[in-house]
Structure formats: C-alpha cells, structure tokens
Amino acid sequence: MSHVYKIIELTGSSPISSDDAIRNAIAAASQSLHHLRWFEVVENRGHIEAGVVAHWQVTIKVGFTLDNES
C-alpha cells in the first residue's frame, strides 16, 4: 500500500519545555486536521529573561494522509 502525505509547518510554544511546545502544536493541529502521522523538528528557539529560559518555540513539519486514503 502506498501513501501520499500533505506536509505543513507549525510553530508551537510553551513556558515549560521544548517537548511541551511540540505537544501544543500537534494538539492544536489535531483539532482541525485528521490522520496526523509524523513530525520532524525543524528549529528550536527560546526567549531568555533574567538569564534563564522563559519560553520555548519549536517549529515542526507535520505529515498527514489525505481523507480519501485508508
């Protein structure tokens, strides 16, 4: 069986961790997209306040199959 994937790019954010930023992006995407299959981290960024990491931003590519596929 072959698959066709649509790929989108998202940026999630979190004050907790880069992993949480990824989870936030995927959770938001899953509200309107179906058949999410994989993700790839493209970029990690952060915001620094008073010498400590205050916020993470992670850009990911997300692949999903189209509705007409099984």
N, C-alpha and C. Protein backbone atom coordinates (compact mmCIF):
# COMPACT_ATOMS: atom_id res chain seq x y z
N MET A 1 0.83 -1.17 0.00
CA MET A 1 0.00 0.00 0.00
C MET A 1 0.88 1.24 0.00
N SER A 2 0.59 2.19 -0.85
CA SER A 2 1.35 3.44 -0.89
C SER A 2 0.55 4.54 -0.19
N HIS A 3 1.27 5.56 0.24
CA HIS A 3 0.64 6.68 0.93
C HIS A 3 1.07 7.98 0.28
N VAL A 4 0.19 8.96 0.34
CA VAL A 4 0.51 10.32 -0.06
C VAL A 4 0.33 11.18 1.18
N TYR A 5 1.34 11.98 1.48
CA TYR A 5 1.30 12.82 2.67
C TYR A 5 1.26 14.29 2.28
N LYS A 6 0.48 15.05 2.99
CA LYS A 6 0.50 16.51 2.92
C LYS A 6 1.38 16.95 4.09
N ILE A 7 2.25 17.93 3.88
CA ILE A 7 3.15 18.39 4.93
C ILE A 7 2.87 19.87 5.20
N ILE A 8 2.72 20.20 6.49
CA ILE A 8 2.56 21.59 6.89
C ILE A 8 3.64 21.93 7.92
N GLU A 9 3.87 23.21 8.11
CA GLU A 9 4.85 23.66 9.09
C GLU A 9 4.12 24.44 10.17
N LEU A 10 4.42 24.12 11.43
CA LEU A 10 3.78 24.75 12.58
C LEU A 10 4.84 25.19 13.57
N THR A 11 4.53 26.19 14.38
CA THR A 11 5.39 26.58 15.49
C THR A 11 4.57 26.55 16.76
N GLY A 12 4.98 25.67 17.69
CA GLY A 12 4.34 25.60 18.99
C GLY A 12 5.18 26.33 20.01
N SER A 13 4.54 26.76 21.09
CA SER A 13 5.28 27.47 22.14
C SER A 13 4.86 26.95 23.51
N SER A 14 5.76 27.15 24.49
CA SER A 14 5.50 26.71 25.85
C SER A 14 6.49 27.35 26.81
N PRO A 15 6.03 27.73 27.99
CA PRO A 15 6.97 28.19 29.02
C PRO A 15 7.61 27.03 29.77
N ILE A 16 7.17 25.79 29.50
CA ILE A 16 7.61 24.62 30.25
C ILE A 16 8.83 23.95 29.63
N SER A 17 8.72 23.56 28.32
CA SER A 17 9.82 22.84 27.67
C SER A 17 9.62 22.81 26.17
N SER A 18 10.67 22.40 25.45
CA SER A 18 10.54 22.25 24.01
C SER A 18 9.61 21.09 23.67
N ASP A 19 9.64 20.01 24.46
CA ASP A 19 8.72 18.89 24.25
C ASP A 19 7.27 19.35 24.39
N ASP A 20 7.00 20.17 25.37
CA ASP A 20 5.64 20.69 25.57
C ASP A 20 5.22 21.59 24.41
N ALA A 21 6.15 22.36 23.87
CA ALA A 21 5.85 23.20 22.70
C ALA A 21 5.46 22.34 21.51
N ILE A 22 6.14 21.21 21.31
CA ILE A 22 5.79 20.28 20.24
C ILE A 22 4.40 19.72 20.48
N ARG A 23 4.14 19.27 21.71
CA ARG A 23 2.82 18.72 22.03
C ARG A 23 1.71 19.75 21.81
N ASN A 24 1.96 21.00 22.16
CA ASN A 24 0.97 22.05 21.96
C ASN A 24 0.66 22.26 20.48
N ALA A 25 1.68 22.25 19.64
CA ALA A 25 1.48 22.43 18.19
C ALA A 25 0.67 21.26 17.62
N ILE A 26 1.02 20.04 18.01
CA ILE A 26 0.31 18.86 17.48
C ILE A 26 -1.12 18.82 17.99
N ALA A 27 -1.33 19.15 19.25
CA ALA A 27 -2.70 19.17 19.81
C ALA A 27 -3.57 20.19 19.08
N ALA A 28 -3.02 21.36 18.80
CA ALA A 28 -3.79 22.38 18.08
C ALA A 28 -4.10 21.92 16.65
N ALA A 29 -3.13 21.31 15.98
CA ALA A 29 -3.35 20.84 14.61
C ALA A 29 -4.39 19.74 14.57
N SER A 30 -4.40 18.89 15.58
CA SER A 30 -5.34 17.76 15.58
C SER A 30 -6.78 18.20 15.77
N GLN A 31 -7.00 19.44 16.16
CA GLN A 31 -8.36 19.96 16.29
C GLN A 31 -9.03 20.16 14.93
N SER A 32 -8.24 20.42 13.90
CA SER A 32 -8.84 20.68 12.58
C SER A 32 -8.30 19.77 11.47
N LEU A 33 -7.24 19.03 11.73
CA LEU A 33 -6.68 18.12 10.73
C LEU A 33 -6.84 16.68 11.19
N HIS A 34 -6.97 15.78 10.23
CA HIS A 34 -7.14 14.36 10.53
C HIS A 34 -5.96 13.56 10.00
N HIS A 35 -5.78 12.39 10.53
CA HIS A 35 -4.78 11.43 10.06
C HIS A 35 -3.35 11.94 10.18
N LEU A 36 -3.05 12.68 11.27
CA LEU A 36 -1.67 13.10 11.51
C LEU A 36 -0.81 11.86 11.70
N ARG A 37 0.34 11.80 11.04
CA ARG A 37 1.16 10.59 11.04
C ARG A 37 2.56 10.76 11.63
N TRP A 38 3.19 11.90 11.40
CA TRP A 38 4.57 12.07 11.86
C TRP A 38 4.90 13.56 11.99
N PHE A 39 6.00 13.83 12.69
CA PHE A 39 6.51 15.21 12.75
C PHE A 39 8.03 15.18 12.72
N GLU A 40 8.59 16.30 12.31
CA GLU A 40 10.04 16.49 12.26
C GLU A 40 10.35 17.86 12.83
N VAL A 41 11.27 17.93 13.79
CA VAL A 41 11.67 19.22 14.35
C VAL A 41 12.56 19.94 13.36
N VAL A 42 12.18 21.17 13.02
CA VAL A 42 12.92 21.98 12.06
C VAL A 42 13.80 23.00 12.78
N GLU A 43 13.28 23.58 13.85
CA GLU A 43 14.02 24.64 14.54
C GLU A 43 13.58 24.73 16.00
N ASN A 44 14.54 24.94 16.89
CA ASN A 44 14.29 25.23 18.30
C ASN A 44 14.73 26.65 18.59
N ARG A 45 13.87 27.38 19.26
CA ARG A 45 14.22 28.75 19.68
C ARG A 45 13.75 28.95 21.11
N GLY A 46 14.26 29.95 21.76
CA GLY A 46 13.80 30.27 23.10
C GLY A 46 13.93 31.75 23.40
N HIS A 47 13.19 32.16 24.40
CA HIS A 47 13.22 33.54 24.87
C HIS A 47 13.87 33.54 26.25
N ILE A 48 14.80 34.44 26.47
CA ILE A 48 15.55 34.50 27.73
C ILE A 48 15.12 35.74 28.50
N GLU A 49 14.82 35.55 29.78
CA GLU A 49 14.53 36.66 30.69
C GLU A 49 15.34 36.48 31.96
N ALA A 50 16.02 37.51 32.38
CA ALA A 50 16.82 37.49 33.62
C ALA A 50 17.80 36.32 33.65
N GLY A 51 18.37 36.00 32.49
CA GLY A 51 19.39 34.98 32.43
C GLY A 51 18.91 33.54 32.42
N VAL A 52 17.58 33.33 32.32
CA VAL A 52 17.04 31.97 32.26
C VAL A 52 16.07 31.84 31.10
N VAL A 53 15.89 30.61 30.65
CA VAL A 53 14.94 30.35 29.56
C VAL A 53 13.53 30.61 30.09
N ALA A 54 12.82 31.51 29.43
CA ALA A 54 11.46 31.86 29.86
C ALA A 54 10.40 31.23 28.97
N HIS A 55 10.77 30.90 27.74
CA HIS A 55 9.77 30.42 26.80
C HIS A 55 10.46 29.67 25.66
N TRP A 56 9.87 28.55 25.25
CA TRP A 56 10.37 27.76 24.12
C TRP A 56 9.47 27.95 22.92
N GLN A 57 10.06 28.00 21.74
CA GLN A 57 9.33 27.97 20.47
C GLN A 57 9.98 26.90 19.60
N VAL A 58 9.16 25.95 19.11
CA VAL A 58 9.68 24.86 18.30
C VAL A 58 8.89 24.80 17.00
N THR A 59 9.60 24.88 15.89
CA THR A 59 8.97 24.76 14.57
C THR A 59 9.10 23.32 14.12
N ILE A 60 7.96 22.74 13.69
CA ILE A 60 7.93 21.36 13.24
C ILE A 60 7.25 21.26 11.88
N LYS A 61 7.62 20.23 11.14
CA LYS A 61 6.87 19.83 9.96
C LYS A 61 6.00 18.66 10.39
N VAL A 62 4.73 18.68 9.99
CA VAL A 62 3.80 17.62 10.34
C VAL A 62 3.28 17.01 9.05
N GLY A 63 3.33 15.68 8.97
CA GLY A 63 2.81 14.97 7.80
C GLY A 63 1.50 14.29 8.15
N PHE A 64 0.53 14.37 7.25
CA PHE A 64 -0.74 13.68 7.45
C PHE A 64 -1.23 13.14 6.11
N THR A 65 -2.02 12.07 6.18
CA THR A 65 -2.57 11.50 4.97
C THR A 65 -3.88 12.20 4.64
N LEU A 66 -4.22 12.21 3.37
CA LEU A 66 -5.43 12.86 2.92
C LEU A 66 -6.65 12.01 3.24
N ASP A 67 -7.82 12.63 3.37
CA ASP A 67 -9.05 11.95 3.80
C ASP A 67 -9.44 10.76 2.94
N ASN A 68 -9.17 10.81 1.64
CA ASN A 68 -9.63 9.74 0.77
C ASN A 68 -8.76 8.49 0.83
N GLU A 69 -7.73 8.47 1.68
CA GLU A 69 -6.89 7.29 1.82
C GLU A 69 -7.28 6.51 3.06
N SER A 70 -7.02 5.23 3.08
CA SER A 70 -7.31 4.39 4.24
C SER A 70 -6.15 4.41 5.21
